[in-house]
């Protein structure tokens, strides 16, 4: 039964509902942006780690080369001095010298050869050090750029998260005003509202909502690894979403997938895009428990969830949510099997 309302009450409720819908849409858009920033941050962090590893490797190579030349220099110098001073009393080379009537020219020849070897080794070292120095400069520049990119992405994510929090607070206020407006309408039309409530109660008793269906268990045909990954993810149900998180206590979307499959003995990168690139692609119509379902915006993959069966997934959705079961989100880009 319709509840009669005054024009002003109806206008107020309609305006508040429209504002609430608009705010909810902005929040959804921001949540998508935050997930994309999270994906970009994960990729930038991985790139920065690779650069720092390469820099450490170059420094180690220079240290080893320097050590080798130092040892060779000492060895050749000792042999040259021994041959010159002792006329070769101990070495095979010295034995040849001692048989000669005049050992000085041979000693000088040996010293010249030794000196040439040392010069060659030193030149090789200097060339290597120069090449590694130039590479180090390039990597250092790249490291600075990567670090700046990572910091920029972190700041952008923080700003977006703060804005989303403000919008959620505003939405809560609008919803509160809407509830007050609706309550005022009902109070003004108490008799009609009572009749409407009675009619709704009858309707509710006839059309009882279906019970919540628990996610389908892993089927016998699914892989052992997939079942293990699902079990691991299930142990984290209720854990809060944490931007760039990848360990118990807090996960982002790709962090949960990486950690859960890691418990099953399968290594995945911490990035939805990188995970999509590294797994076997499967049809969305041929999903098995444990498979990963990916989402994209403009061809850019930014979100991943884990299929558990029965049209259900486990996911770390976005800031303000916890690891949870949900229906398969609409609009998947593709799927993969680690």
C-alpha atoms as a PDB file:
ATOM      1  CA  UNK A   1       0.000   0.000   0.000  1.00  0.00           C
ATOM      2  CA  UNK A   2       1.456   3.402  -0.977  1.00  0.00           C
ATOM      3  CA  UNK A   3       2.171   5.856   1.840  1.00  0.00           C
ATOM      4  CA  UNK A   4       0.770   9.329   1.161  1.00  0.00           C
ATOM      5  CA  UNK A   5       3.423  12.011   1.563  1.00  0.00           C
ATOM      6  CA  UNK A   6       3.570  15.759   1.304  1.00  0.00           C
ATOM      7  CA  UNK A   7       5.347  17.195  -1.776  1.00  0.00           C
ATOM      8  CA  UNK A   8       8.151  18.653   0.370  1.00  0.00           C
ATOM      9  CA  UNK A   9       8.805  15.319   2.126  1.00  0.00           C
ATOM     10  CA  UNK A  10       8.866  13.439  -1.184  1.00  0.00           C
ATOM     11  CA  UNK A  11      11.214  16.004  -2.738  1.00  0.00           C
ATOM     12  CA  UNK A  12      13.548  15.831   0.271  1.00  0.00           C
ATOM     13  CA  UNK A  13      13.713  12.029   0.173  1.00  0.00           C
ATOM     14  CA  UNK A  14      14.220  11.965  -3.601  1.00  0.00           C
ATOM     15  CA  UNK A  15      17.015  14.534  -3.400  1.00  0.00           C
ATOM     16  CA  UNK A  16      18.767  12.678  -0.580  1.00  0.00           C
ATOM     17  CA  UNK A  17      18.493   9.346  -2.406  1.00  0.00           C
ATOM     18  CA  UNK A  18      19.956  10.888  -5.567  1.00  0.00           C
ATOM     19  CA  UNK A  19      22.818  12.368  -3.560  1.00  0.00           C
ATOM     20  CA  UNK A  20      23.471   9.015  -1.864  1.00  0.00           C
ATOM     21  CA  UNK A  21      23.555   7.205  -5.231  1.00  0.00           C
ATOM     22  CA  UNK A  22      25.937   9.838  -6.618  1.00  0.00           C
ATOM     23  CA  UNK A  23      28.276   9.552  -3.619  1.00  0.00           C
ATOM     24  CA  UNK A  24      28.244   5.753  -3.793  1.00  0.00           C
ATOM     25  CA  UNK A  25      29.225   5.967  -7.470  1.00  0.00           C
ATOM     26  CA  UNK A  26      32.120   8.301  -6.670  1.00  0.00           C
ATOM     27  CA  UNK A  27      33.296   5.954  -3.926  1.00  0.00           C
ATOM     28  CA  UNK A  28      33.220   2.981  -6.321  1.00  0.00           C
ATOM     29  CA  UNK A  29      35.255   4.970  -8.852  1.00  0.00           C
ATOM     30  CA  UNK A  30      37.796   5.910  -6.190  1.00  0.00           C
ATOM     31  CA  UNK A  31      38.050   2.312  -4.996  1.00  0.00           C
ATOM     32  CA  UNK A  32      38.889   1.235  -8.550  1.00  0.00           C
ATOM     33  CA  UNK A  33      41.498   3.996  -8.769  1.00  0.00           C
ATOM     34  CA  UNK A  34      43.007   2.881  -5.449  1.00  0.00           C
ATOM     35  CA  UNK A  35      43.254  -0.722  -6.691  1.00  0.00           C
ATOM     36  CA  UNK A  36      44.976   0.459  -9.874  1.00  0.00           C
ATOM     37  CA  UNK A  37      47.419   2.529  -7.802  1.00  0.00           C
ATOM     38  CA  UNK A  38      48.051  -0.505  -5.605  1.00  0.00           C
ATOM     39  CA  UNK A  39      48.840  -2.603  -8.684  1.00  0.00           C
ATOM     40  CA  UNK A  40      51.187   0.075 -10.063  1.00  0.00           C
ATOM     41  CA  UNK A  41      52.895   0.390  -6.664  1.00  0.00           C
ATOM     42  CA  UNK A  42      53.466  -3.390  -6.471  1.00  0.00           C
ATOM     43  CA  UNK A  43      55.056  -3.349  -9.940  1.00  0.00           C
ATOM     44  CA  UNK A  44      57.205  -0.284  -9.159  1.00  0.00           C
ATOM     45  CA  UNK A  45      58.393  -1.843  -5.885  1.00  0.00           C
ATOM     46  CA  UNK A  46      59.397  -5.023  -7.709  1.00  0.00           C
ATOM     47  CA  UNK A  47      61.314  -3.016 -10.329  1.00  0.00           C
ATOM     48  CA  UNK A  48      63.107  -1.043  -7.611  1.00  0.00           C
ATOM     49  CA  UNK A  49      64.157  -4.278  -5.874  1.00  0.00           C
ATOM     50  CA  UNK A  50      65.628  -5.630  -9.131  1.00  0.00           C
ATOM     51  CA  UNK A  51      67.650  -2.435  -9.679  1.00  0.00           C
ATOM     52  CA  UNK A  52      69.015  -2.508  -6.129  1.00  0.00           C
ATOM     53  CA  UNK A  53      69.963  -6.167  -6.554  1.00  0.00           C
ATOM     54  CA  UNK A  54      71.836  -5.328  -9.772  1.00  0.00           C
ATOM     55  CA  UNK A  55      73.683  -2.474  -8.044  1.00  0.00           C
ATOM     56  CA  UNK A  56      74.752  -4.798  -5.224  1.00  0.00           C
ATOM     57  CA  UNK A  57      75.951  -7.345  -7.791  1.00  0.00           C
ATOM     58  CA  UNK A  58      78.072  -4.739  -9.597  1.00  0.00           C
ATOM     59  CA  UNK A  59      79.696  -3.614  -6.364  1.00  0.00           C
ATOM     60  CA  UNK A  60      80.482  -7.238  -5.499  1.00  0.00           C
ATOM     61  CA  UNK A  61      82.032  -7.796  -8.962  1.00  0.00           C
ATOM     62  CA  UNK A  62      84.314  -4.786  -8.533  1.00  0.00           C
ATOM     63  CA  UNK A  63      85.442  -6.033  -5.114  1.00  0.00           C
ATOM     64  CA  UNK A  64      86.264  -9.506  -6.470  1.00  0.00           C
ATOM     65  CA  UNK A  65      88.147  -8.092  -9.479  1.00  0.00           C
ATOM     66  CA  UNK A  66      90.180  -5.782  -7.257  1.00  0.00           C
ATOM     67  CA  UNK A  67      91.026  -8.663  -4.923  1.00  0.00           C
ATOM     68  CA  UNK A  68      92.136 -10.906  -7.828  1.00  0.00           C
ATOM     69  CA  UNK A  69      94.430  -8.252  -9.309  1.00  0.00           C
ATOM     70  CA  UNK A  70      95.920  -7.522  -5.888  1.00  0.00           C
ATOM     71  CA  UNK A  71      96.707 -11.212  -5.389  1.00  0.00           C
ATOM     72  CA  UNK A  72      98.170 -11.553  -8.922  1.00  0.00           C
ATOM     73  CA  UNK A  73     100.265  -8.408  -8.400  1.00  0.00           C
ATOM     74  CA  UNK A  74     101.734  -9.741  -5.164  1.00  0.00           C
ATOM     75  CA  UNK A  75     102.437 -13.140  -6.705  1.00  0.00           C
ATOM     76  CA  UNK A  76     104.180 -11.800  -9.814  1.00  0.00           C
ATOM     77  CA  UNK A  77     106.150  -9.263  -7.806  1.00  0.00           C
ATOM     78  CA  UNK A  78     107.442 -11.961  -5.434  1.00  0.00           C
ATOM     79  CA  UNK A  79     108.467 -14.205  -8.324  1.00  0.00           C
ATOM     80  CA  UNK A  80     110.227 -11.344 -10.116  1.00  0.00           C
ATOM     81  CA  UNK A  81     112.131 -10.265  -7.005  1.00  0.00           C
ATOM     82  CA  UNK A  82     113.093 -13.858  -6.216  1.00  0.00           C
ATOM     83  CA  UNK A  83     114.390 -14.431  -9.752  1.00  0.00           C
ATOM     84  CA  UNK A  84     116.335 -11.187  -9.778  1.00  0.00           C
ATOM     85  CA  UNK A  85     117.856 -11.413  -6.310  1.00  0.00           C
ATOM     86  CA  UNK A  86     118.512 -15.148  -6.009  1.00  0.00           C
ATOM     87  CA  UNK A  87     119.327 -15.849  -9.633  1.00  0.00           C
ATOM     88  CA  UNK A  88     116.525 -18.421  -9.623  1.00  0.00           C
ATOM     89  CA  UNK A  89     117.476 -20.719  -6.808  1.00  0.00           C
ATOM     90  CA  UNK A  90     113.999 -22.048  -6.181  1.00  0.00           C
ATOM     91  CA  UNK A  91     111.733 -21.812  -9.228  1.00  0.00           C
ATOM     92  CA  UNK A  92     111.749 -23.712 -12.505  1.00  0.00           C
ATOM     93  CA  UNK A  93     112.335 -20.442 -14.279  1.00  0.00           C
ATOM     94  CA  UNK A  94     115.255 -19.711 -11.975  1.00  0.00           C
ATOM     95  CA  UNK A  95     116.737 -23.109 -12.761  1.00  0.00           C
ATOM     96  CA  UNK A  96     116.959 -22.129 -16.422  1.00  0.00           C
ATOM     97  CA  UNK A  97     118.604 -18.850 -15.469  1.00  0.00           C
ATOM     98  CA  UNK A  98     121.194 -20.553 -13.217  1.00  0.00           C
ATOM     99  CA  UNK A  99     122.469 -22.672 -16.129  1.00  0.00           C
ATOM    100  CA  UNK A 100     123.252 -19.610 -18.147  1.00  0.00           C
ATOM    101  CA  UNK A 101     126.596 -17.957 -18.025  1.00  0.00           C
ATOM    102  CA  UNK A 102     124.968 -14.567 -17.801  1.00  0.00           C
ATOM    103  CA  UNK A 103     121.654 -14.553 -16.002  1.00  0.00           C
ATOM    104  CA  UNK A 104     121.083 -10.808 -15.907  1.00  0.00           C
ATOM    105  CA  UNK A 105     119.561 -10.474 -19.420  1.00  0.00           C
ATOM    106  CA  UNK A 106     117.145 -13.342 -18.677  1.00  0.00           C
ATOM    107  CA  UNK A 107     116.248 -11.770 -15.356  1.00  0.00           C
ATOM    108  CA  UNK A 108     115.536  -8.496 -17.058  1.00  0.00           C
ATOM    109  CA  UNK A 109     113.454 -10.300 -19.688  1.00  0.00           C
ATOM    110  CA  UNK A 110     111.453 -12.011 -16.924  1.00  0.00           C
ATOM    111  CA  UNK A 111     110.902  -8.718 -15.163  1.00  0.00           C
ATOM    112  CA  UNK A 112     109.727  -7.155 -18.417  1.00  0.00           C
ATOM    113  CA  UNK A 113     107.274 -10.012 -19.012  1.00  0.00           C
ATOM    114  CA  UNK A 114     106.037  -9.863 -15.421  1.00  0.00           C
ATOM    115  CA  UNK A 115     105.671  -6.113 -15.705  1.00  0.00           C
ATOM    116  CA  UNK A 116     103.723  -6.573 -18.923  1.00  0.00           C
ATOM    117  CA  UNK A 117     101.398  -9.079 -17.250  1.00  0.00           C
ATOM    118  CA  UNK A 118     100.819  -6.710 -14.364  1.00  0.00           C
ATOM    119  CA  UNK A 119     100.121  -3.812 -16.705  1.00  0.00           C
ATOM    120  CA  UNK A 120      97.647  -5.932 -18.651  1.00  0.00           C
ATOM    121  CA  UNK A 121      95.868  -7.044 -15.477  1.00  0.00           C
ATOM    122  CA  UNK A 122      95.739  -3.518 -14.132  1.00  0.00           C
ATOM    123  CA  UNK A 123      94.419  -2.207 -17.455  1.00  0.00           C
ATOM    124  CA  UNK A 124      91.759  -4.923 -17.522  1.00  0.00           C
ATOM    125  CA  UNK A 125      90.760  -4.051 -13.977  1.00  0.00           C
ATOM    126  CA  UNK A 126      90.563  -0.334 -14.747  1.00  0.00           C
ATOM    127  CA  UNK A 127      88.475  -1.003 -17.859  1.00  0.00           C
ATOM    128  CA  UNK A 128      86.142  -3.242 -15.884  1.00  0.00           C
ATOM    129  CA  UNK A 129      85.876  -0.725 -13.075  1.00  0.00           C
ATOM    130  CA  UNK A 130      85.102   2.036 -15.573  1.00  0.00           C
ATOM    131  CA  UNK A 131      82.425  -0.050 -17.303  1.00  0.00           C
ATOM    132  CA  UNK A 132      80.884  -1.031 -13.978  1.00  0.00           C
ATOM    133  CA  UNK A 133      81.103   2.577 -12.781  1.00  0.00           C
ATOM    134  CA  UNK A 134      79.185   3.763 -15.856  1.00  0.00           C
ATOM    135  CA  UNK A 135      76.630   0.994 -15.361  1.00  0.00           C
ATOM    136  CA  UNK A 136      76.377   1.953 -11.689  1.00  0.00           C
ATOM    137  CA  UNK A 137      75.688   5.580 -12.607  1.00  0.00           C
ATOM    138  CA  UNK A 138      72.940   4.505 -15.014  1.00  0.00           C
ATOM    139  CA  UNK A 139      71.421   2.129 -12.456  1.00  0.00           C
ATOM    140  CA  UNK A 140      71.643   4.754  -9.715  1.00  0.00           C
ATOM    141  CA  UNK A 141      69.749   7.193 -11.912  1.00  0.00           C
ATOM    142  CA  UNK A 142      67.190   4.523 -12.700  1.00  0.00           C
ATOM    143  CA  UNK A 143      66.963   3.651  -8.993  1.00  0.00           C
ATOM    144  CA  UNK A 144      66.272   7.292  -8.108  1.00  0.00           C
ATOM    145  CA  UNK A 145      63.536   7.473 -10.745  1.00  0.00           C
ATOM    146  CA  UNK A 146      62.001   4.194  -9.573  1.00  0.00           C
ATOM    147  CA  UNK A 147      62.105   5.317  -5.938  1.00  0.00           C
ATOM    148  CA  UNK A 148      60.471   8.623  -6.891  1.00  0.00           C
ATOM    149  CA  UNK A 149      57.769   6.782  -8.841  1.00  0.00           C
ATOM    150  CA  UNK A 150      57.113   4.484  -5.890  1.00  0.00           C
ATOM    151  CA  UNK A 151      56.845   7.450  -3.507  1.00  0.00           C
ATOM    152  CA  UNK A 152      54.522   9.301  -5.902  1.00  0.00           C
ATOM    153  CA  UNK A 153      52.235   6.271  -6.191  1.00  0.00           C
ATOM    154  CA  UNK A 154      52.151   5.854  -2.415  1.00  0.00           C
ATOM    155  CA  UNK A 155      51.214   9.526  -1.981  1.00  0.00           C
ATOM    156  CA  UNK A 156      48.530   9.300  -4.669  1.00  0.00           C
ATOM    157  CA  UNK A 157      47.064   6.201  -3.036  1.00  0.00           C
ATOM    158  CA  UNK A 158      47.044   7.899   0.350  1.00  0.00           C
ATOM    159  CA  UNK A 159      45.275  10.966  -1.060  1.00  0.00           C
ATOM    160  CA  UNK A 160      42.710   8.809  -2.856  1.00  0.00           C
ATOM    161  CA  UNK A 161      42.109   6.750   0.281  1.00  0.00           C
ATOM    162  CA  UNK A 162      41.609   9.918   2.349  1.00  0.00           C
ATOM    163  CA  UNK A 163      39.156  11.280  -0.204  1.00  0.00           C
ATOM    164  CA  UNK A 164      37.273   7.982  -0.252  1.00  0.00           C
ATOM    165  CA  UNK A 165      37.090   8.076   3.549  1.00  0.00           C
ATOM    166  CA  UNK A 166      35.694  11.609   3.443  1.00  0.00           C
ATOM    167  CA  UNK A 167      33.111  10.600   0.854  1.00  0.00           C
ATOM    168  CA  UNK A 168      32.080   7.585   2.937  1.00  0.00           C
ATOM    169  CA  UNK A 169      31.656   9.894   5.933  1.00  0.00           C
ATOM    170  CA  UNK A 170      29.539  12.272   3.837  1.00  0.00           C
ATOM    171  CA  UNK A 171      27.510   9.337   2.535  1.00  0.00           C
ATOM    172  CA  UNK A 172      26.885   8.161   6.110  1.00  0.00           C
ATOM    173  CA  UNK A 173      25.588  11.636   6.919  1.00  0.00           C
ATOM    174  CA  UNK A 174      23.319  11.697   3.870  1.00  0.00           C
ATOM    175  CA  UNK A 175      22.006   8.240   4.693  1.00  0.00           C
ATOM    176  CA  UNK A 176      21.295   9.430   8.237  1.00  0.00           C
ATOM    177  CA  UNK A 177      19.380  12.443   6.900  1.00  0.00           C
ATOM    178  CA  UNK A 178      17.519  10.172   4.526  1.00  0.00           C
ATOM    179  CA  UNK A 179      16.551   7.854   7.372  1.00  0.00           C
ATOM    180  CA  UNK A 180      15.310  10.850   9.374  1.00  0.00           C
ATOM    181  CA  UNK A 181      13.296  12.130   6.413  1.00  0.00           C
ATOM    182  CA  UNK A 182      11.726   8.737   5.852  1.00  0.00           C
ATOM    183  CA  UNK A 183      10.907   8.461   9.580  1.00  0.00           C
ATOM    184  CA  UNK A 184       9.264  11.893   9.451  1.00  0.00           C
ATOM    185  CA  UNK A 185       7.140  10.822   6.488  1.00  0.00           C
ATOM    186  CA  UNK A 186       6.059   7.708   8.329  1.00  0.00           C
ATOM    187  CA  UNK A 187       5.255   9.672  11.493  1.00  0.00           C
ATOM    188  CA  UNK A 188       3.137  12.149   9.498  1.00  0.00           C
ATOM    189  CA  UNK A 189       1.145   9.313   7.948  1.00  0.00           C
ATOM    190  CA  UNK A 190       1.056   6.887  10.892  1.00  0.00           C
ATOM    191  CA  UNK A 191      -2.139   5.119  10.035  1.00  0.00           C
ATOM    192  CA  UNK A 192      -1.206   4.598   6.395  1.00  0.00           C
ATOM    193  CA  UNK A 193       2.290   3.549   7.410  1.00  0.00           C
ATOM    194  CA  UNK A 194       0.902   0.912   9.791  1.00  0.00           C
ATOM    195  CA  UNK A 195      -1.188  -0.523   6.982  1.00  0.00           C
ATOM    196  CA  UNK A 196       1.801  -0.540   4.646  1.00  0.00           C
ATOM    197  CA  UNK A 197       3.916  -2.266   7.300  1.00  0.00           C
ATOM    198  CA  UNK A 198       1.272  -4.937   7.770  1.00  0.00           C
ATOM    199  CA  UNK A 199       1.080  -5.506   4.031  1.00  0.00           C
ATOM    200  CA  UNK A 200       4.870  -5.763   3.829  1.00  0.00           C
ATOM    201  CA  UNK A 201       4.898  -8.251   6.704  1.00  0.00           C
ATOM    202  CA  UNK A 202       2.418 -10.468   4.859  1.00  0.00           C
ATOM    203  CA  UNK A 203       4.438 -10.206   1.680  1.00  0.00           C
ATOM    204  CA  UNK A 204       7.666 -10.995   3.552  1.00  0.00           C
ATOM    205  CA  UNK A 205       6.139 -14.125   5.098  1.00  0.00           C
ATOM    206  CA  UNK A 206       5.128 -15.374   1.634  1.00  0.00           C
ATOM    207  CA  UNK A 207       8.380 -14.519  -0.136  1.00  0.00           C
ATOM    208  CA  UNK A 208      10.998 -15.585   2.382  1.00  0.00           C
ATOM    209  CA  UNK A 209      14.435 -14.714   1.028  1.00  0.00           C
ATOM    210  CA  UNK A 210      16.553 -17.719   0.068  1.00  0.00           C
ATOM    211  CA  UNK A 211      19.093 -18.860   2.621  1.00  0.00           C
ATOM    212  CA  UNK A 212      22.708 -17.790   2.193  1.00  0.00           C
ATOM    213  CA  UNK A 213      24.474 -20.472   0.236  1.00  0.00           C
ATOM    214  CA  UNK A 214      27.947 -21.296   1.479  1.00  0.00           C
ATOM    215  CA  UNK A 215      30.657 -21.518  -1.179  1.00  0.00           C
ATOM    216  CA  UNK A 216      30.715 -24.874  -2.909  1.00  0.00           C
ATOM    217  CA  UNK A 217      33.446 -27.171  -1.573  1.00  0.00           C
ATOM    218  CA  UNK A 218      36.416 -28.001  -3.718  1.00  0.00           C
ATOM    219  CA  UNK A 219      35.417 -30.736  -6.134  1.00  0.00           C
ATOM    220  CA  UNK A 220      37.249 -34.013  -6.478  1.00  0.00           C
ATOM    221  CA  UNK A 221      38.338 -32.987  -9.976  1.00  0.00           C
ATOM    222  CA  UNK A 222      40.179 -29.853  -8.815  1.00  0.00           C
ATOM    223  CA  UNK A 223      43.927 -29.891  -8.235  1.00  0.00           C
ATOM    224  CA  UNK A 224      45.450 -30.570  -4.838  1.00  0.00           C
ATOM    225  CA  UNK A 225      47.378 -27.308  -5.118  1.00  0.00           C
ATOM    226  CA  UNK A 226      44.177 -25.386  -5.846  1.00  0.00           C
ATOM    227  CA  UNK A 227      42.494 -26.916  -2.801  1.00  0.00           C
ATOM    228  CA  UNK A 228      45.511 -26.052  -0.645  1.00  0.00           C
ATOM    229  CA  UNK A 229      45.510 -22.459  -1.913  1.00  0.00           C
ATOM    230  CA  UNK A 230      41.799 -22.091  -1.124  1.00  0.00           C
ATOM    231  CA  UNK A 231      42.276 -23.544   2.351  1.00  0.00           C
ATOM    232  CA  UNK A 232      45.108 -21.076   3.006  1.00  0.00           C
ATOM    233  CA  UNK A 233      42.971 -18.141   1.824  1.00  0.00           C
ATOM    234  CA  UNK A 234      40.082 -19.296   4.018  1.00  0.00           C
ATOM    235  CA  UNK A 235      42.311 -19.046   7.101  1.00  0.00           C
ATOM    236  CA  UNK A 236      42.545 -15.308   6.398  1.00  0.00           C
ATOM    237  CA  UNK A 237      38.791 -14.624   6.210  1.00  0.00           C
ATOM    238  CA  UNK A 238      38.051 -11.446   8.159  1.00  0.00           C
ATOM    239  CA  UNK A 239      41.611 -10.100   7.864  1.00  0.00           C
ATOM    240  CA  UNK A 240      41.473  -6.428   6.785  1.00  0.00           C
ATOM    241  CA  UNK A 241      42.456  -5.154   3.348  1.00  0.00           C
ATOM    242  CA  UNK A 242      45.855  -3.448   3.564  1.00  0.00           C
ATOM    243  CA  UNK A 243      47.227  -1.550   0.611  1.00  0.00           C
ATOM    244  CA  UNK A 244      50.295  -3.395  -0.819  1.00  0.00           C
ATOM    245  CA  UNK A 245      49.875  -6.040   1.940  1.00  0.00           C
ATOM    246  CA  UNK A 246      50.959  -9.619   1.303  1.00  0.00           C
ATOM    247  CA  UNK A 247      51.095 -11.371   4.674  1.00  0.00           C
ATOM    248  CA  UNK A 248      48.713 -12.495   7.446  1.00  0.00           C
ATOM    249  CA  UNK A 249      47.421  -9.390   9.154  1.00  0.00           C
ATOM    250  CA  UNK A 250      46.704  -7.525   5.916  1.00  0.00           C
ATOM    251  CA  UNK A 251      46.414  -8.190   2.170  1.00  0.00           C
ATOM    252  CA  UNK A 252      45.690  -6.414  -1.069  1.00  0.00           C
ATOM    253  CA  UNK A 253      44.115  -8.438  -3.888  1.00  0.00           C
ATOM    254  CA  UNK A 254      47.278  -9.801  -5.515  1.00  0.00           C
ATOM    255  CA  UNK A 255      48.979 -10.141  -2.122  1.00  0.00           C
ATOM    256  CA  UNK A 256      46.272 -12.578  -0.975  1.00  0.00           C
ATOM    257  CA  UNK A 257      46.547 -14.636  -4.175  1.00  0.00           C
ATOM    258  CA  UNK A 258      50.364 -14.697  -3.938  1.00  0.00           C
ATOM    259  CA  UNK A 259      50.369 -15.709  -0.257  1.00  0.00           C
ATOM    260  CA  UNK A 260      47.627 -18.352  -0.586  1.00  0.00           C
ATOM    261  CA  UNK A 261      49.245 -20.033  -3.586  1.00  0.00           C
ATOM    262  CA  UNK A 262      52.619 -19.743  -1.868  1.00  0.00           C
ATOM    263  CA  UNK A 263      51.247 -21.933   0.948  1.00  0.00           C
ATOM    264  CA  UNK A 264      50.457 -24.490  -1.778  1.00  0.00           C
ATOM    265  CA  UNK A 265      54.063 -24.408  -2.967  1.00  0.00           C
ATOM    266  CA  UNK A 266      53.476 -22.221  -6.039  1.00  0.00           C
ATOM    267  CA  UNK A 267      55.390 -18.939  -6.348  1.00  0.00           C
ATOM    268  CA  UNK A 268      53.524 -15.952  -7.795  1.00  0.00           C
ATOM    269  CA  UNK A 269      54.603 -12.315  -8.163  1.00  0.00           C
ATOM    270  CA  UNK A 270      52.947  -9.569  -6.089  1.00  0.00           C
ATOM    271  CA  UNK A 271      51.057  -7.900  -8.956  1.00  0.00           C
ATOM    272  CA  UNK A 272      47.753  -8.726 -10.646  1.00  0.00           C
ATOM    273  CA  UNK A 273      49.228  -7.893 -14.067  1.00  0.00           C
ATOM    274  CA  UNK A 274      52.348  -9.976 -13.421  1.00  0.00           C
ATOM    275  CA  UNK A 275      50.241 -12.871 -12.103  1.00  0.00           C
ATOM    276  CA  UNK A 276      48.087 -12.804 -15.249  1.00  0.00           C
ATOM    277  CA  UNK A 277      51.259 -12.837 -17.374  1.00  0.00           C
ATOM    278  CA  UNK A 278      52.807 -15.746 -15.456  1.00  0.00           C
ATOM    279  CA  UNK A 279      49.927 -18.258 -15.231  1.00  0.00           C
ATOM    280  CA  UNK A 280      48.254 -20.555 -17.747  1.00  0.00           C
ATOM    281  CA  UNK A 281      45.158 -18.842 -19.128  1.00  0.00           C
ATOM    282  CA  UNK A 282      41.884 -20.775 -18.937  1.00  0.00           C
ATOM    283  CA  UNK A 283      38.353 -20.154 -20.156  1.00  0.00           C
ATOM    284  CA  UNK A 284      35.930 -18.494 -17.749  1.00  0.00           C
ATOM    285  CA  UNK A 285      33.540 -21.327 -18.585  1.00  0.00           C
ATOM    286  CA  UNK A 286      36.099 -23.921 -17.429  1.00  0.00           C
ATOM    287  CA  UNK A 287      36.999 -22.593 -13.983  1.00  0.00           C
ATOM    288  CA  UNK A 288      38.286 -24.896 -11.244  1.00  0.00           C
ATOM    289  CA  UNK A 289      38.605 -24.090  -7.520  1.00  0.00           C
ATOM    290  CA  UNK A 290      41.797 -22.139  -6.930  1.00  0.00           C
ATOM    291  CA  UNK A 291      41.809 -20.485 -10.370  1.00  0.00           C
ATOM    292  CA  UNK A 292      42.424 -16.735 -10.449  1.00  0.00           C
ATOM    293  CA  UNK A 293      39.970 -14.338 -12.102  1.00  0.00           C
ATOM    294  CA  UNK A 294      41.323 -10.999 -13.300  1.00  0.00           C
ATOM    295  CA  UNK A 295      39.728  -7.580 -13.836  1.00  0.00           C
ATOM    296  CA  UNK A 296      40.929  -4.722 -16.020  1.00  0.00           C
ATOM    297  CA  UNK A 297      40.189  -1.113 -16.784  1.00  0.00           C
ATOM    298  CA  UNK A 298      41.118  -0.042 -20.316  1.00  0.00           C
ATOM    299  CA  UNK A 299      43.150  -3.221 -20.786  1.00  0.00           C
ATOM    300  CA  UNK A 300      45.146  -2.538 -17.584  1.00  0.00           C
ATOM    301  CA  UNK A 301      44.804  -5.464 -15.155  1.00  0.00           C
ATOM    302  CA  UNK A 302      44.395  -4.137 -11.607  1.00  0.00           C
ATOM    303  CA  UNK A 303      42.381  -6.681  -9.581  1.00  0.00           C
ATOM    304  CA  UNK A 304      42.408 -10.450  -8.974  1.00  0.00           C
ATOM    305  CA  UNK A 305      40.126 -12.811  -7.016  1.00  0.00           C
ATOM    306  CA  UNK A 306      40.314 -16.568  -6.267  1.00  0.00           C
ATOM    307  CA  UNK A 307      37.524 -18.857  -7.469  1.00  0.00           C
ATOM    308  CA  UNK A 308      36.262 -21.350  -4.855  1.00  0.00           C
ATOM    309  CA  UNK A 309      33.364 -22.927  -6.752  1.00  0.00           C
ATOM    310  CA  UNK A 310      29.607 -22.413  -6.912  1.00  0.00           C
ATOM    311  CA  UNK A 311      29.960 -18.965  -8.527  1.00  0.00           C
ATOM    312  CA  UNK A 312      31.801 -17.797  -5.374  1.00  0.00           C
ATOM    313  CA  UNK A 313      35.252 -16.261  -4.857  1.00  0.00           C
ATOM    314  CA  UNK A 314      37.528 -15.215  -1.994  1.00  0.00           C
ATOM    315  CA  UNK A 315      38.998 -11.769  -2.356  1.00  0.00           C
ATOM    316  CA  UNK A 316      40.619  -8.780  -0.653  1.00  0.00           C
ATOM    317  CA  UNK A 317      38.461  -6.205  -2.386  1.00  0.00           C
ATOM    318  CA  UNK A 318      39.482  -2.690  -1.348  1.00  0.00           C
ATOM    319  CA  UNK A 319      40.223  -0.354   1.555  1.00  0.00           C
ATOM    320  CA  UNK A 320      37.656  -0.645   4.345  1.00  0.00           C
ATOM    321  CA  UNK A 321      36.771  -4.290   3.625  1.00  0.00           C
ATOM    322  CA  UNK A 322      38.050  -7.607   4.953  1.00  0.00           C
ATOM    323  CA  UNK A 323      39.055 -10.824   3.179  1.00  0.00           C
ATOM    324  CA  UNK A 324      35.661 -12.357   2.364  1.00  0.00           C
ATOM    325  CA  UNK A 325      33.537 -14.598   0.180  1.00  0.00           C
ATOM    326  CA  UNK A 326      31.586 -12.848  -2.571  1.00  0.00           C
ATOM    327  CA  UNK A 327      29.832 -13.773  -5.773  1.00  0.00           C
ATOM    328  CA  UNK A 328      32.043 -13.534  -8.865  1.00  0.00           C
ATOM    329  CA  UNK A 329      32.251  -9.779  -9.550  1.00  0.00           C
ATOM    330  CA  UNK A 330      30.820  -8.741 -12.926  1.00  0.00           C
ATOM    331  CA  UNK A 331      32.961  -7.956 -15.959  1.00  0.00           C
ATOM    332  CA  UNK A 332      35.969 -10.307 -15.593  1.00  0.00           C
ATOM    333  CA  UNK A 333      38.831  -9.756 -18.058  1.00  0.00           C
ATOM    334  CA  UNK A 334      40.121 -13.336 -18.001  1.00  0.00           C
ATOM    335  CA  UNK A 335      41.195 -16.240 -15.811  1.00  0.00           C
ATOM    336  CA  UNK A 336      44.346 -18.235 -15.114  1.00  0.00           C
ATOM    337  CA  UNK A 337      45.509 -21.387 -13.369  1.00  0.00           C
ATOM    338  CA  UNK A 338      48.834 -21.249 -11.426  1.00  0.00           C
END
